[in-house]
Amino acid sequence: MSRIPWRRAFLAGFAVFLFACSRPPSVLKGSYPSGVPKYHVAVDSAGKKHGPETWWFDNGKARYQAQNVHGLRHGAYQAWYPGGNLWYQGRDSLGVHRDTLRAWRQDGKLQAIRVFQGGTVVYLESIDASGLSKEDKRRLEAEAEARLQDSAQAWAAARRNSLSLWSLRVRASVETYWIPPKRKGSVDHKSVARIRVQGDGRITDVTWLEKSAWPAFNEKAAKALRRMKKFPPLPTEAGAGPLDIRYEFVSLGKKPRAGKLQLRRPGVAKDETEEVGEK
């Protein structure tokens, strides 16, 4: 006789658990005293952020937008100043920083660029109000020192350093338009392009040296380059151009393999290709 109530209690508790787990996501909403919406945040049955998240200023303009997956930010996110200018913009993968995070001043001028790899900052560029980054100033100082020394070895070192910084800018520029398709399975995908760049940064030729077996991946990579108007201008040390670069588009999901951005003059033998900077 004592087993029946216990079983009924167990079945009742199990039914409540199933009901709680099966409840669809709900949306938490808040408003300013004026009635203007303040936030809409989708949450799962456990109360964790799950789905779209949007915040507004009391003037009705957007303040912050993101997507979440069970409490972790996932995908593109961005925030704005009260006046409407973009404040920062980036992308996460289940709570881990990915790709490039950009920040702007209230006047709309770029303030900083951070490039992430596996959640860790691998490149940081701060830009002052004049539009010059610390790297730009260091490059200019390196140029002046190299000219004063009139040393071919010192000039070569300055050139390599400038190309290394330039290669990271190229990566940040391409990632603005590079949105890989949703990953299928665990197979790595890679497309490799040879891009001819003029001195002012214009792209005048693109040749695909290697394509993935996944057509959608190749199309996304090609689309990213088609949308690019131009790369950052070549640094002074690289000469007037043109310059050929090798750019690799790789799939997300696994820890990316170390790679090199290869640059060479058109017509230069392969064994004379120089590699600058990790991609």
C-alpha atoms as a PDB file:
ATOM      1  CA  MET A   1       0.000   0.000   0.000  1.00  0.00           C
ATOM      2  CA  SER A   2       2.869   2.370   0.708  1.00  0.00           C
ATOM      3  CA  ARG A   3       4.287   2.055  -2.821  1.00  0.00           C
ATOM      4  CA  ILE A   4       1.283   3.546  -4.608  1.00  0.00           C
ATOM      5  CA  PRO A   5       1.567   7.114  -3.239  1.00  0.00           C
ATOM      6  CA  TRP A   6       5.330   7.079  -3.879  1.00  0.00           C
ATOM      7  CA  ARG A   7       4.852   6.055  -7.492  1.00  0.00           C
ATOM      8  CA  ARG A   8       2.137   8.632  -8.012  1.00  0.00           C
ATOM      9  CA  ALA A   9       4.345  11.343  -6.531  1.00  0.00           C
ATOM     10  CA  PHE A  10       7.236  10.282  -8.751  1.00  0.00           C
ATOM     11  CA  LEU A  11       5.108  10.267 -11.906  1.00  0.00           C
ATOM     12  CA  ALA A  12       3.624  13.642 -11.032  1.00  0.00           C
ATOM     13  CA  GLY A  13       7.090  15.144 -10.456  1.00  0.00           C
ATOM     14  CA  PHE A  14       8.386  13.644 -13.704  1.00  0.00           C
ATOM     15  CA  ALA A  15       5.425  15.118 -15.613  1.00  0.00           C
ATOM     16  CA  VAL A  16       6.167  18.577 -14.159  1.00  0.00           C
ATOM     17  CA  PHE A  17       9.828  18.209 -15.184  1.00  0.00           C
ATOM     18  CA  LEU A  18       8.855  17.302 -18.752  1.00  0.00           C
ATOM     19  CA  PHE A  19       6.440  20.227 -18.894  1.00  0.00           C
ATOM     20  CA  ALA A  20       9.126  22.645 -17.721  1.00  0.00           C
ATOM     21  CA  CYS A  21      11.615  21.366 -20.297  1.00  0.00           C
ATOM     22  CA  SER A  22       9.082  21.529 -23.113  1.00  0.00           C
ATOM     23  CA  ARG A  23       7.995  25.110 -22.499  1.00  0.00           C
ATOM     24  CA  PRO A  24       8.864  27.363 -25.462  1.00  0.00           C
ATOM     25  CA  PRO A  25      11.247  30.311 -24.937  1.00  0.00           C
ATOM     26  CA  SER A  26       9.621  33.401 -23.464  1.00  0.00           C
ATOM     27  CA  VAL A  27      10.497  37.078 -23.894  1.00  0.00           C
ATOM     28  CA  LEU A  28      11.257  39.415 -21.007  1.00  0.00           C
ATOM     29  CA  LYS A  29      10.209  42.991 -21.747  1.00  0.00           C
ATOM     30  CA  GLY A  30      10.816  46.303 -20.032  1.00  0.00           C
ATOM     31  CA  SER A  31       9.901  49.916 -20.788  1.00  0.00           C
ATOM     32  CA  TYR A  32      10.906  53.425 -19.753  1.00  0.00           C
ATOM     33  CA  PRO A  33       8.410  55.519 -17.737  1.00  0.00           C
ATOM     34  CA  SER A  34       7.519  57.242 -21.022  1.00  0.00           C
ATOM     35  CA  GLY A  35       6.372  53.909 -22.456  1.00  0.00           C
ATOM     36  CA  VAL A  36       9.293  53.595 -24.873  1.00  0.00           C
ATOM     37  CA  PRO A  37      10.578  49.978 -24.947  1.00  0.00           C
ATOM     38  CA  LYS A  38      13.789  49.480 -22.936  1.00  0.00           C
ATOM     39  CA  TYR A  39      14.622  45.810 -23.619  1.00  0.00           C
ATOM     40  CA  HIS A  40      13.299  42.593 -25.177  1.00  0.00           C
ATOM     41  CA  VAL A  41      15.276  39.523 -24.096  1.00  0.00           C
ATOM     42  CA  ALA A  42      14.313  35.967 -25.083  1.00  0.00           C
ATOM     43  CA  VAL A  43      15.022  33.354 -22.377  1.00  0.00           C
ATOM     44  CA  ASP A  44      14.752  29.587 -22.142  1.00  0.00           C
ATOM     45  CA  SER A  45      12.851  27.589 -19.523  1.00  0.00           C
ATOM     46  CA  ALA A  46      15.837  27.857 -17.149  1.00  0.00           C
ATOM     47  CA  GLY A  47      15.799  31.658 -17.338  1.00  0.00           C
ATOM     48  CA  LYS A  48      18.962  31.888 -19.444  1.00  0.00           C
ATOM     49  CA  LYS A  49      19.152  34.214 -22.428  1.00  0.00           C
ATOM     50  CA  HIS A  50      18.192  32.215 -25.519  1.00  0.00           C
ATOM     51  CA  GLY A  51      17.318  33.901 -28.793  1.00  0.00           C
ATOM     52  CA  PRO A  52      17.335  37.582 -29.814  1.00  0.00           C
ATOM     53  CA  GLU A  53      18.277  40.292 -27.313  1.00  0.00           C
ATOM     54  CA  THR A  54      17.578  43.990 -28.007  1.00  0.00           C
ATOM     55  CA  TRP A  55      17.991  47.114 -25.869  1.00  0.00           C
ATOM     56  CA  TRP A  56      16.914  50.686 -26.666  1.00  0.00           C
ATOM     57  CA  PHE A  57      17.726  54.180 -25.416  1.00  0.00           C
ATOM     58  CA  ASP A  58      14.922  56.279 -23.959  1.00  0.00           C
ATOM     59  CA  ASN A  59      14.864  58.197 -27.257  1.00  0.00           C
ATOM     60  CA  GLY A  60      13.746  55.020 -29.035  1.00  0.00           C
ATOM     61  CA  LYS A  61      17.036  54.394 -30.858  1.00  0.00           C
ATOM     62  CA  ALA A  62      18.694  50.983 -30.749  1.00  0.00           C
ATOM     63  CA  ARG A  63      21.315  50.524 -28.015  1.00  0.00           C
ATOM     64  CA  TYR A  64      22.418  46.872 -28.278  1.00  0.00           C
ATOM     65  CA  GLN A  65      21.535  43.802 -30.368  1.00  0.00           C
ATOM     66  CA  ALA A  66      22.750  40.208 -30.078  1.00  0.00           C
ATOM     67  CA  GLN A  67      21.748  36.554 -30.302  1.00  0.00           C
ATOM     68  CA  ASN A  68      22.173  34.092 -27.422  1.00  0.00           C
ATOM     69  CA  VAL A  69      22.175  30.312 -27.057  1.00  0.00           C
ATOM     70  CA  HIS A  70      21.302  29.103 -23.557  1.00  0.00           C
ATOM     71  CA  GLY A  71      23.112  31.936 -21.821  1.00  0.00           C
ATOM     72  CA  LEU A  72      26.013  32.317 -24.286  1.00  0.00           C
ATOM     73  CA  ARG A  73      26.281  35.041 -26.893  1.00  0.00           C
ATOM     74  CA  HIS A  74      26.458  33.493 -30.364  1.00  0.00           C
ATOM     75  CA  GLY A  75      26.788  35.230 -33.729  1.00  0.00           C
ATOM     76  CA  ALA A  76      27.060  38.917 -34.638  1.00  0.00           C
ATOM     77  CA  TYR A  77      26.463  41.620 -32.016  1.00  0.00           C
ATOM     78  CA  GLN A  78      26.652  45.416 -32.043  1.00  0.00           C
ATOM     79  CA  ALA A  79      25.994  48.484 -29.924  1.00  0.00           C
ATOM     80  CA  TRP A  80      25.302  52.154 -30.646  1.00  0.00           C
ATOM     81  CA  TYR A  81      25.744  55.571 -29.069  1.00  0.00           C
ATOM     82  CA  PRO A  82      22.581  57.535 -28.101  1.00  0.00           C
ATOM     83  CA  GLY A  83      22.978  59.645 -31.231  1.00  0.00           C
ATOM     84  CA  GLY A  84      22.766  56.595 -33.468  1.00  0.00           C
ATOM     85  CA  ASN A  85      26.434  56.157 -34.436  1.00  0.00           C
ATOM     86  CA  LEU A  86      27.886  52.665 -34.116  1.00  0.00           C
ATOM     87  CA  TRP A  87      29.875  52.073 -30.906  1.00  0.00           C
ATOM     88  CA  TYR A  88      31.263  48.548 -31.379  1.00  0.00           C
ATOM     89  CA  GLN A  89      30.636  45.491 -33.556  1.00  0.00           C
ATOM     90  CA  GLY A  90      31.883  41.913 -33.349  1.00  0.00           C
ATOM     91  CA  ARG A  91      31.025  38.225 -33.465  1.00  0.00           C
ATOM     92  CA  ASP A  92      31.050  35.444 -30.852  1.00  0.00           C
ATOM     93  CA  SER A  93      30.844  31.668 -31.080  1.00  0.00           C
ATOM     94  CA  LEU A  94      29.041  30.297 -28.010  1.00  0.00           C
ATOM     95  CA  GLY A  95      30.533  32.952 -25.759  1.00  0.00           C
ATOM     96  CA  VAL A  96      34.015  32.966 -27.329  1.00  0.00           C
ATOM     97  CA  HIS A  97      35.236  36.030 -29.244  1.00  0.00           C
ATOM     98  CA  ARG A  98      35.769  35.364 -32.956  1.00  0.00           C
ATOM     99  CA  ASP A  99      37.126  37.270 -35.923  1.00  0.00           C
ATOM    100  CA  THR A 100      37.432  41.069 -35.596  1.00  0.00           C
ATOM    101  CA  LEU A 101      35.986  43.448 -32.989  1.00  0.00           C
ATOM    102  CA  ARG A 102      35.821  47.107 -34.040  1.00  0.00           C
ATOM    103  CA  ALA A 103      35.088  50.160 -31.891  1.00  0.00           C
ATOM    104  CA  TRP A 104      34.246  53.715 -32.986  1.00  0.00           C
ATOM    105  CA  ARG A 105      34.230  57.116 -31.323  1.00  0.00           C
ATOM    106  CA  GLN A 106      30.985  59.045 -30.968  1.00  0.00           C
ATOM    107  CA  ASP A 107      31.913  61.154 -34.007  1.00  0.00           C
ATOM    108  CA  GLY A 108      31.975  57.994 -36.148  1.00  0.00           C
ATOM    109  CA  LYS A 109      35.770  57.724 -36.471  1.00  0.00           C
ATOM    110  CA  LEU A 110      37.361  54.298 -35.983  1.00  0.00           C
ATOM    111  CA  GLN A 111      38.965  53.982 -32.554  1.00  0.00           C
ATOM    112  CA  ALA A 112      40.311  50.422 -32.234  1.00  0.00           C
ATOM    113  CA  ILE A 113      40.549  47.055 -33.990  1.00  0.00           C
ATOM    114  CA  ARG A 114      40.996  43.738 -32.203  1.00  0.00           C
ATOM    115  CA  VAL A 115      41.547  40.466 -34.067  1.00  0.00           C
ATOM    116  CA  PHE A 116      40.723  37.310 -32.101  1.00  0.00           C
ATOM    117  CA  GLN A 117      41.913  33.747 -32.539  1.00  0.00           C
ATOM    118  CA  GLY A 118      40.416  31.099 -30.276  1.00  0.00           C
ATOM    119  CA  GLY A 119      39.053  33.798 -27.963  1.00  0.00           C
ATOM    120  CA  THR A 120      42.495  35.453 -27.549  1.00  0.00           C
ATOM    121  CA  VAL A 121      43.532  38.829 -28.977  1.00  0.00           C
ATOM    122  CA  VAL A 122      46.273  38.243 -31.559  1.00  0.00           C
ATOM    123  CA  TYR A 123      46.292  41.785 -32.955  1.00  0.00           C
ATOM    124  CA  LEU A 124      45.354  45.141 -31.448  1.00  0.00           C
ATOM    125  CA  GLU A 125      45.389  48.471 -33.246  1.00  0.00           C
ATOM    126  CA  SER A 126      44.479  51.741 -31.519  1.00  0.00           C
ATOM    127  CA  ILE A 127      43.822  54.819 -33.632  1.00  0.00           C
ATOM    128  CA  ASP A 128      44.084  58.363 -32.239  1.00  0.00           C
ATOM    129  CA  ALA A 129      41.898  61.342 -33.130  1.00  0.00           C
ATOM    130  CA  SER A 130      44.242  62.298 -35.987  1.00  0.00           C
ATOM    131  CA  GLY A 131      43.560  58.974 -37.707  1.00  0.00           C
ATOM    132  CA  LEU A 132      47.041  57.534 -37.110  1.00  0.00           C
ATOM    133  CA  SER A 133      47.452  54.287 -35.206  1.00  0.00           C
ATOM    134  CA  LYS A 134      50.398  53.516 -32.963  1.00  0.00           C
ATOM    135  CA  GLU A 135      51.581  51.109 -35.629  1.00  0.00           C
ATOM    136  CA  ASP A 136      51.449  53.892 -38.232  1.00  0.00           C
ATOM    137  CA  LYS A 137      53.560  56.148 -36.022  1.00  0.00           C
ATOM    138  CA  ARG A 138      56.052  53.380 -35.357  1.00  0.00           C
ATOM    139  CA  ARG A 139      56.254  52.672 -39.076  1.00  0.00           C
ATOM    140  CA  LEU A 140      56.931  56.314 -39.868  1.00  0.00           C
ATOM    141  CA  GLU A 141      59.622  56.437 -37.199  1.00  0.00           C
ATOM    142  CA  ALA A 142      61.126  53.228 -38.574  1.00  0.00           C
ATOM    143  CA  GLU A 143      61.177  54.729 -42.070  1.00  0.00           C
ATOM    144  CA  ALA A 144      62.983  57.860 -40.847  1.00  0.00           C
ATOM    145  CA  GLU A 145      65.520  55.815 -38.917  1.00  0.00           C
ATOM    146  CA  ALA A 146      66.127  53.521 -41.896  1.00  0.00           C
ATOM    147  CA  ARG A 147      66.737  56.497 -44.197  1.00  0.00           C
ATOM    148  CA  LEU A 148      69.128  58.101 -41.706  1.00  0.00           C
ATOM    149  CA  GLN A 149      71.090  54.877 -41.363  1.00  0.00           C
ATOM    150  CA  ASP A 150      71.025  54.342 -45.123  1.00  0.00           C
ATOM    151  CA  SER A 151      71.285  50.659 -44.426  1.00  0.00           C
ATOM    152  CA  ALA A 152      69.795  48.092 -46.763  1.00  0.00           C
ATOM    153  CA  GLN A 153      69.471  45.648 -43.878  1.00  0.00           C
ATOM    154  CA  ALA A 154      67.596  48.139 -41.698  1.00  0.00           C
ATOM    155  CA  TRP A 155      65.311  49.062 -44.598  1.00  0.00           C
ATOM    156  CA  ALA A 156      64.531  45.390 -45.259  1.00  0.00           C
ATOM    157  CA  ALA A 157      63.579  44.928 -41.593  1.00  0.00           C
ATOM    158  CA  ALA A 158      61.296  47.980 -41.700  1.00  0.00           C
ATOM    159  CA  ARG A 159      59.689  46.681 -44.908  1.00  0.00           C
ATOM    160  CA  ARG A 160      59.007  43.281 -43.405  1.00  0.00           C
ATOM    161  CA  ASN A 161      57.521  44.829 -40.267  1.00  0.00           C
ATOM    162  CA  SER A 162      55.248  47.095 -42.310  1.00  0.00           C
ATOM    163  CA  LEU A 163      54.058  44.220 -44.490  1.00  0.00           C
ATOM    164  CA  SER A 164      53.304  42.184 -41.374  1.00  0.00           C
ATOM    165  CA  LEU A 165      51.075  44.956 -40.054  1.00  0.00           C
ATOM    166  CA  TRP A 166      49.508  45.448 -43.479  1.00  0.00           C
ATOM    167  CA  SER A 167      48.685  41.730 -43.768  1.00  0.00           C
ATOM    168  CA  LEU A 168      46.700  41.910 -40.511  1.00  0.00           C
ATOM    169  CA  ARG A 169      44.790  44.915 -41.860  1.00  0.00           C
ATOM    170  CA  VAL A 170      43.994  42.914 -44.998  1.00  0.00           C
ATOM    171  CA  ARG A 171      42.587  40.125 -42.859  1.00  0.00           C
ATOM    172  CA  ALA A 172      40.459  42.550 -40.836  1.00  0.00           C
ATOM    173  CA  SER A 173      39.136  44.092 -44.081  1.00  0.00           C
ATOM    174  CA  VAL A 174      38.180  40.748 -45.660  1.00  0.00           C
ATOM    175  CA  GLU A 175      36.498  39.511 -42.469  1.00  0.00           C
ATOM    176  CA  THR A 176      34.129  42.471 -42.663  1.00  0.00           C
ATOM    177  CA  TYR A 177      32.481  40.689 -45.624  1.00  0.00           C
ATOM    178  CA  TRP A 178      33.463  37.043 -44.945  1.00  0.00           C
ATOM    179  CA  ILE A 179      30.459  35.211 -43.493  1.00  0.00           C
ATOM    180  CA  PRO A 180      31.062  31.450 -43.771  1.00  0.00           C
ATOM    181  CA  PRO A 181      28.058  29.180 -44.305  1.00  0.00           C
ATOM    182  CA  LYS A 182      26.809  27.044 -41.457  1.00  0.00           C
ATOM    183  CA  ARG A 183      29.261  24.214 -40.916  1.00  0.00           C
ATOM    184  CA  LYS A 184      28.356  20.707 -42.129  1.00  0.00           C
ATOM    185  CA  GLY A 185      29.961  17.765 -40.369  1.00  0.00           C
ATOM    186  CA  SER A 186      33.518  17.834 -39.046  1.00  0.00           C
ATOM    187  CA  VAL A 187      35.388  18.099 -42.354  1.00  0.00           C
ATOM    188  CA  ASP A 188      37.678  21.109 -42.736  1.00  0.00           C
ATOM    189  CA  HIS A 189      37.038  23.371 -45.724  1.00  0.00           C
ATOM    190  CA  LYS A 190      39.505  25.711 -47.395  1.00  0.00           C
ATOM    191  CA  SER A 191      39.553  27.944 -50.448  1.00  0.00           C
ATOM    192  CA  VAL A 192      42.764  29.686 -51.517  1.00  0.00           C
ATOM    193  CA  ALA A 193      42.848  32.827 -53.685  1.00  0.00           C
ATOM    194  CA  ARG A 194      45.737  34.650 -55.314  1.00  0.00           C
ATOM    195  CA  ILE A 195      44.903  38.359 -55.327  1.00  0.00           C
ATOM    196  CA  ARG A 196      46.756  41.063 -57.261  1.00  0.00           C
ATOM    197  CA  VAL A 197      46.816  44.353 -55.340  1.00  0.00           C
ATOM    198  CA  GLN A 198      47.884  47.716 -56.749  1.00  0.00           C
ATOM    199  CA  GLY A 199      49.745  50.310 -54.704  1.00  0.00           C
ATOM    200  CA  ASP A 200      46.536  52.156 -53.759  1.00  0.00           C
ATOM    201  CA  GLY A 201      44.936  48.913 -52.571  1.00  0.00           C
ATOM    202  CA  ARG A 202      42.796  48.244 -55.661  1.00  0.00           C
ATOM    203  CA  ILE A 203      42.126  44.567 -56.457  1.00  0.00           C
ATOM    204  CA  THR A 204      42.784  43.996 -60.168  1.00  0.00           C
ATOM    205  CA  ASP A 205      42.803  40.193 -60.416  1.00  0.00           C
ATOM    206  CA  VAL A 206      41.638  37.167 -58.404  1.00  0.00           C
ATOM    207  CA  THR A 207      42.685  33.593 -59.250  1.00  0.00           C
ATOM    208  CA  TRP A 208      41.522  30.608 -57.216  1.00  0.00           C
ATOM    209  CA  LEU A 209      44.436  28.275 -56.528  1.00  0.00           C
ATOM    210  CA  GLU A 210      42.400  25.845 -54.430  1.00  0.00           C
ATOM    211  CA  LYS A 211      38.692  25.287 -53.830  1.00  0.00           C
ATOM    212  CA  SER A 212      36.778  23.380 -51.190  1.00  0.00           C
ATOM    213  CA  ALA A 213      34.634  20.391 -52.096  1.00  0.00           C
ATOM    214  CA  TRP A 214      31.715  22.367 -50.634  1.00  0.00           C
ATOM    215  CA  PRO A 215      30.335  24.744 -53.345  1.00  0.00           C
ATOM    216  CA  ALA A 216      28.517  26.965 -50.834  1.00  0.00           C
ATOM    217  CA  PHE A 217      31.798  27.579 -48.990  1.00  0.00           C
ATOM    218  CA  ASN A 218      33.534  28.596 -52.247  1.00  0.00           C
ATOM    219  CA  GLU A 219      30.698  30.939 -53.197  1.00  0.00           C
ATOM    220  CA  LYS A 220      30.798  32.676 -49.806  1.00  0.00           C
ATOM    221  CA  ALA A 221      34.556  33.188 -50.160  1.00  0.00           C
ATOM    222  CA  ALA A 222      34.198  34.554 -53.704  1.00  0.00           C
ATOM    223  CA  LYS A 223      31.351  36.840 -52.600  1.00  0.00           C
ATOM    224  CA  ALA A 224      33.508  38.316 -49.827  1.00  0.00           C
ATOM    225  CA  LEU A 225      36.169  39.349 -52.351  1.00  0.00           C
ATOM    226  CA  ARG A 226      33.589  40.676 -54.838  1.00  0.00           C
ATOM    227  CA  ARG A 227      32.193  42.987 -52.172  1.00  0.00           C
ATOM    228  CA  MET A 228      35.625  44.344 -51.330  1.00  0.00           C
ATOM    229  CA  LYS A 229      36.194  47.730 -52.977  1.00  0.00           C
ATOM    230  CA  LYS A 230      39.871  47.768 -52.123  1.00  0.00           C
ATOM    231  CA  PHE A 231      42.436  46.662 -49.573  1.00  0.00           C
ATOM    232  CA  PRO A 232      44.386  49.103 -47.397  1.00  0.00           C
ATOM    233  CA  PRO A 233      47.057  50.849 -49.541  1.00  0.00           C
ATOM    234  CA  LEU A 234      50.405  49.077 -49.711  1.00  0.00           C
ATOM    235  CA  PRO A 235      52.915  50.393 -47.168  1.00  0.00           C
ATOM    236  CA  THR A 236      55.619  52.687 -48.502  1.00  0.00           C
ATOM    237  CA  GLU A 237      58.267  49.988 -48.031  1.00  0.00           C
ATOM    238  CA  ALA A 238      56.451  47.658 -50.443  1.00  0.00           C
ATOM    239  CA  GLY A 239      56.918  50.031 -53.368  1.00  0.00           C
ATOM    240  CA  ALA A 240      54.334  51.176 -55.889  1.00  0.00           C
ATOM    241  CA  GLY A 241      53.007  47.681 -56.572  1.00  0.00           C
ATOM    242  CA  PRO A 242      51.428  45.579 -57.886  1.00  0.00           C
ATOM    243  CA  LEU A 243      51.784  42.817 -55.314  1.00  0.00           C
ATOM    244  CA  ASP A 244      50.331  39.293 -55.375  1.00  0.00           C
ATOM    245  CA  ILE A 245      49.022  37.908 -52.110  1.00  0.00           C
ATOM    246  CA  ARG A 246      47.757  34.451 -51.205  1.00  0.00           C
ATOM    247  CA  TYR A 247      44.630  34.479 -49.031  1.00  0.00           C
ATOM    248  CA  GLU A 248      43.127  31.368 -47.391  1.00  0.00           C
ATOM    249  CA  PHE A 249      39.471  31.057 -46.383  1.00  0.00           C
ATOM    250  CA  VAL A 250      39.122  28.273 -43.788  1.00  0.00           C
ATOM    251  CA  SER A 251      36.128  26.772 -42.006  1.00  0.00           C
ATOM    252  CA  LEU A 252      35.276  27.544 -38.374  1.00  0.00           C
ATOM    253  CA  GLY A 253      34.832  25.009 -35.618  1.00  0.00           C
ATOM    254  CA  LYS A 254      38.282  23.603 -35.052  1.00  0.00           C
ATOM    255  CA  LYS A 255      41.349  25.489 -33.918  1.00  0.00           C
ATOM    256  CA  PRO A 256      42.627  27.165 -37.089  1.00  0.00           C
ATOM    257  CA  ARG A 257      45.972  26.040 -38.346  1.00  0.00           C
ATOM    258  CA  ALA A 258      48.788  28.552 -38.448  1.00  0.00           C
ATOM    259  CA  GLY A 259      49.209  30.020 -41.905  1.00  0.00           C
ATOM    260  CA  LYS A 260      51.180  32.651 -43.707  1.00  0.00           C
ATOM    261  CA  LEU A 261      50.149  35.492 -45.958  1.00  0.00           C
ATOM    262  CA  GLN A 262      52.438  35.161 -48.987  1.00  0.00           C
ATOM    263  CA  LEU A 263      53.350  38.122 -51.155  1.00  0.00           C
ATOM    264  CA  ARG A 264      55.366  38.284 -54.358  1.00  0.00           C
ATOM    265  CA  ARG A 265      55.807  40.477 -57.387  1.00  0.00           C
ATOM    266  CA  PRO A 266      54.068  39.298 -60.587  1.00  0.00           C
ATOM    267  CA  GLY A 267      56.482  37.137 -62.542  1.00  0.00           C
ATOM    268  CA  VAL A 268      58.747  36.389 -59.563  1.00  0.00           C
ATOM    269  CA  ALA A 269      59.709  32.732 -59.149  1.00  0.00           C
ATOM    270  CA  LYS A 270      57.912  30.751 -56.451  1.00  0.00           C
ATOM    271  CA  ASP A 271      61.083  30.172 -54.463  1.00  0.00           C
ATOM    272  CA  GLU A 272      61.464  33.961 -54.167  1.00  0.00           C
ATOM    273  CA  THR A 273      58.033  34.383 -52.546  1.00  0.00           C
ATOM    274  CA  GLU A 274      58.251  36.016 -49.154  1.00  0.00           C
ATOM    275  CA  GLU A 275      55.963  35.209 -46.229  1.00  0.00           C
ATOM    276  CA  VAL A 276      54.999  37.904 -43.768  1.00  0.00           C
ATOM    277  CA  GLY A 277      52.777  37.614 -40.732  1.00  0.00           C
ATOM    278  CA  GLU A 278      50.567  34.814 -39.497  1.00  0.00           C
ATOM    279  CA  LYS A 279      47.130  34.770 -41.058  1.00  0.00           C
END
